[in-house]
């Protein structure tokens, strides 16, 4: 974790380091809020970073958080809100 933090400190726009820090927080530390923040930092640094967008979506889906904001994309948030009736009781697609 220190290596990723040092890379980010040296270059705050290092999207790969933000993503890897997010992965570490998510899977090793079970720090889901910290993971989302790290993935969001990667997206802010590189908006075309598809893996970070996907990781935010997957993590929020696993946490049952479907109320996404502009950082995750208006399209995804609108899609999820418009299809909430298609979700089962666990928040997964019933289609």
C-alpha atoms as a PDB file:
ATOM      1  CA  UNK A   1       0.000   0.000   0.000  1.00  0.00           C
ATOM      2  CA  UNK A   2       2.857   2.366   0.790  1.00  0.00           C
ATOM      3  CA  UNK A   3       4.257   1.930  -2.716  1.00  0.00           C
ATOM      4  CA  UNK A   4       0.968   2.972  -4.334  1.00  0.00           C
ATOM      5  CA  UNK A   5       0.576   5.904  -1.961  1.00  0.00           C
ATOM      6  CA  UNK A   6       4.144   7.006  -2.727  1.00  0.00           C
ATOM      7  CA  UNK A   7       3.478   6.760  -6.471  1.00  0.00           C
ATOM      8  CA  UNK A   8       0.337   8.865  -6.072  1.00  0.00           C
ATOM      9  CA  UNK A   9       2.170  11.387  -3.923  1.00  0.00           C
ATOM     10  CA  UNK A  10       4.900  11.676  -6.583  1.00  0.00           C
ATOM     11  CA  UNK A  11       2.335  11.883  -9.408  1.00  0.00           C
ATOM     12  CA  UNK A  12      -1.274  12.534  -8.307  1.00  0.00           C
ATOM     13  CA  UNK A  13      -2.429  11.812 -11.873  1.00  0.00           C
ATOM     14  CA  UNK A  14      -1.091   8.243 -11.803  1.00  0.00           C
ATOM     15  CA  UNK A  15      -4.385   6.484 -12.625  1.00  0.00           C
ATOM     16  CA  UNK A  16      -2.868   3.003 -12.464  1.00  0.00           C
ATOM     17  CA  UNK A  17      -1.642   3.567  -8.911  1.00  0.00           C
ATOM     18  CA  UNK A  18      -5.101   4.809  -7.883  1.00  0.00           C
ATOM     19  CA  UNK A  19      -6.684   1.667  -9.394  1.00  0.00           C
ATOM     20  CA  UNK A  20      -4.228  -0.668  -7.714  1.00  0.00           C
ATOM     21  CA  UNK A  21      -4.720   1.090  -4.403  1.00  0.00           C
ATOM     22  CA  UNK A  22      -8.470   0.650  -4.874  1.00  0.00           C
ATOM     23  CA  UNK A  23      -8.015  -3.066  -5.520  1.00  0.00           C
ATOM     24  CA  UNK A  24      -5.862  -3.418  -2.415  1.00  0.00           C
ATOM     25  CA  UNK A  25      -8.389  -1.564  -0.278  1.00  0.00           C
ATOM     26  CA  UNK A  26     -11.290  -3.577  -1.698  1.00  0.00           C
ATOM     27  CA  UNK A  27      -9.912  -7.096  -1.624  1.00  0.00           C
ATOM     28  CA  UNK A  28      -7.176  -7.074   0.995  1.00  0.00           C
ATOM     29  CA  UNK A  29      -8.381  -4.528   3.536  1.00  0.00           C
ATOM     30  CA  UNK A  30     -12.162  -4.795   2.928  1.00  0.00           C
ATOM     31  CA  UNK A  31     -12.185  -0.969   3.028  1.00  0.00           C
ATOM     32  CA  UNK A  32     -14.966  -0.506   0.495  1.00  0.00           C
ATOM     33  CA  UNK A  33     -15.389   3.247   0.940  1.00  0.00           C
ATOM     34  CA  UNK A  34     -11.637   3.719   0.528  1.00  0.00           C
ATOM     35  CA  UNK A  35     -11.687   1.499  -2.551  1.00  0.00           C
ATOM     36  CA  UNK A  36     -14.468   3.526  -4.163  1.00  0.00           C
ATOM     37  CA  UNK A  37     -12.573   6.745  -3.455  1.00  0.00           C
ATOM     38  CA  UNK A  38      -9.417   5.317  -5.031  1.00  0.00           C
ATOM     39  CA  UNK A  39     -11.301   4.123  -8.117  1.00  0.00           C
ATOM     40  CA  UNK A  40     -13.018   7.517  -8.374  1.00  0.00           C
ATOM     41  CA  UNK A  41      -9.616   9.219  -8.223  1.00  0.00           C
ATOM     42  CA  UNK A  42      -8.510   7.022 -11.142  1.00  0.00           C
ATOM     43  CA  UNK A  43     -11.615   8.032 -13.118  1.00  0.00           C
ATOM     44  CA  UNK A  44     -11.080  11.713 -12.340  1.00  0.00           C
ATOM     45  CA  UNK A  45      -7.492  11.383 -13.527  1.00  0.00           C
ATOM     46  CA  UNK A  46      -8.392   9.362 -16.623  1.00  0.00           C
ATOM     47  CA  UNK A  47     -12.129   9.468 -17.467  1.00  0.00           C
ATOM     48  CA  UNK A  48     -11.650   6.794 -20.144  1.00  0.00           C
ATOM     49  CA  UNK A  49     -10.330   4.320 -17.590  1.00  0.00           C
ATOM     50  CA  UNK A  50     -12.971   1.624 -18.156  1.00  0.00           C
ATOM     51  CA  UNK A  51     -11.644  -0.758 -15.508  1.00  0.00           C
ATOM     52  CA  UNK A  52     -12.069   1.855 -12.773  1.00  0.00           C
ATOM     53  CA  UNK A  53     -15.629   2.610 -13.906  1.00  0.00           C
ATOM     54  CA  UNK A  54     -16.411  -1.119 -13.871  1.00  0.00           C
ATOM     55  CA  UNK A  55     -14.857  -1.638 -10.443  1.00  0.00           C
ATOM     56  CA  UNK A  56     -16.911   1.222  -8.992  1.00  0.00           C
ATOM     57  CA  UNK A  57     -20.060  -0.251 -10.501  1.00  0.00           C
ATOM     58  CA  UNK A  58     -19.292  -3.804  -9.376  1.00  0.00           C
ATOM     59  CA  UNK A  59     -18.422  -2.712  -5.861  1.00  0.00           C
ATOM     60  CA  UNK A  60     -21.529  -0.541  -5.526  1.00  0.00           C
ATOM     61  CA  UNK A  61     -23.645  -3.378  -6.922  1.00  0.00           C
ATOM     62  CA  UNK A  62     -22.195  -5.775  -4.335  1.00  0.00           C
ATOM     63  CA  UNK A  63     -22.943  -3.229  -1.610  1.00  0.00           C
ATOM     64  CA  UNK A  64     -26.495  -2.700  -2.899  1.00  0.00           C
ATOM     65  CA  UNK A  65     -25.822   0.973  -3.655  1.00  0.00           C
ATOM     66  CA  UNK A  66     -27.729   1.779  -6.842  1.00  0.00           C
ATOM     67  CA  UNK A  67     -27.987   5.531  -6.278  1.00  0.00           C
ATOM     68  CA  UNK A  68     -24.934   6.463  -8.341  1.00  0.00           C
ATOM     69  CA  UNK A  69     -23.904  10.033  -8.926  1.00  0.00           C
ATOM     70  CA  UNK A  70     -22.287  11.962 -11.742  1.00  0.00           C
ATOM     71  CA  UNK A  71     -18.819  10.585 -10.998  1.00  0.00           C
ATOM     72  CA  UNK A  72     -20.011   7.149 -12.098  1.00  0.00           C
ATOM     73  CA  UNK A  73     -21.798   8.472 -15.152  1.00  0.00           C
ATOM     74  CA  UNK A  74     -25.273   9.840 -15.593  1.00  0.00           C
ATOM     75  CA  UNK A  75     -26.026   7.110 -18.099  1.00  0.00           C
ATOM     76  CA  UNK A  76     -25.443   4.294 -15.627  1.00  0.00           C
ATOM     77  CA  UNK A  77     -27.326   6.055 -12.839  1.00  0.00           C
ATOM     78  CA  UNK A  78     -30.272   6.782 -15.084  1.00  0.00           C
ATOM     79  CA  UNK A  79     -30.280   3.240 -16.395  1.00  0.00           C
ATOM     80  CA  UNK A  80     -30.275   1.723 -12.926  1.00  0.00           C
ATOM     81  CA  UNK A  81     -32.965   4.078 -11.640  1.00  0.00           C
ATOM     82  CA  UNK A  82     -35.189   3.495 -14.660  1.00  0.00           C
ATOM     83  CA  UNK A  83     -34.951  -0.289 -14.281  1.00  0.00           C
ATOM     84  CA  UNK A  84     -35.264  -0.651 -10.510  1.00  0.00           C
ATOM     85  CA  UNK A  85     -38.532  -2.534 -11.089  1.00  0.00           C
ATOM     86  CA  UNK A  86     -36.492  -5.143 -13.003  1.00  0.00           C
ATOM     87  CA  UNK A  87     -34.367  -5.885  -9.935  1.00  0.00           C
ATOM     88  CA  UNK A  88     -35.164  -8.723  -7.565  1.00  0.00           C
ATOM     89  CA  UNK A  89     -35.210  -8.359  -3.768  1.00  0.00           C
ATOM     90  CA  UNK A  90     -31.415  -8.691  -3.646  1.00  0.00           C
ATOM     91  CA  UNK A  91     -30.961  -5.873  -6.164  1.00  0.00           C
ATOM     92  CA  UNK A  92     -29.878  -8.129  -9.020  1.00  0.00           C
ATOM     93  CA  UNK A  93     -31.390  -8.210 -12.465  1.00  0.00           C
ATOM     94  CA  UNK A  94     -34.504 -10.331 -12.613  1.00  0.00           C
ATOM     95  CA  UNK A  95     -34.346 -10.343 -16.408  1.00  0.00           C
END
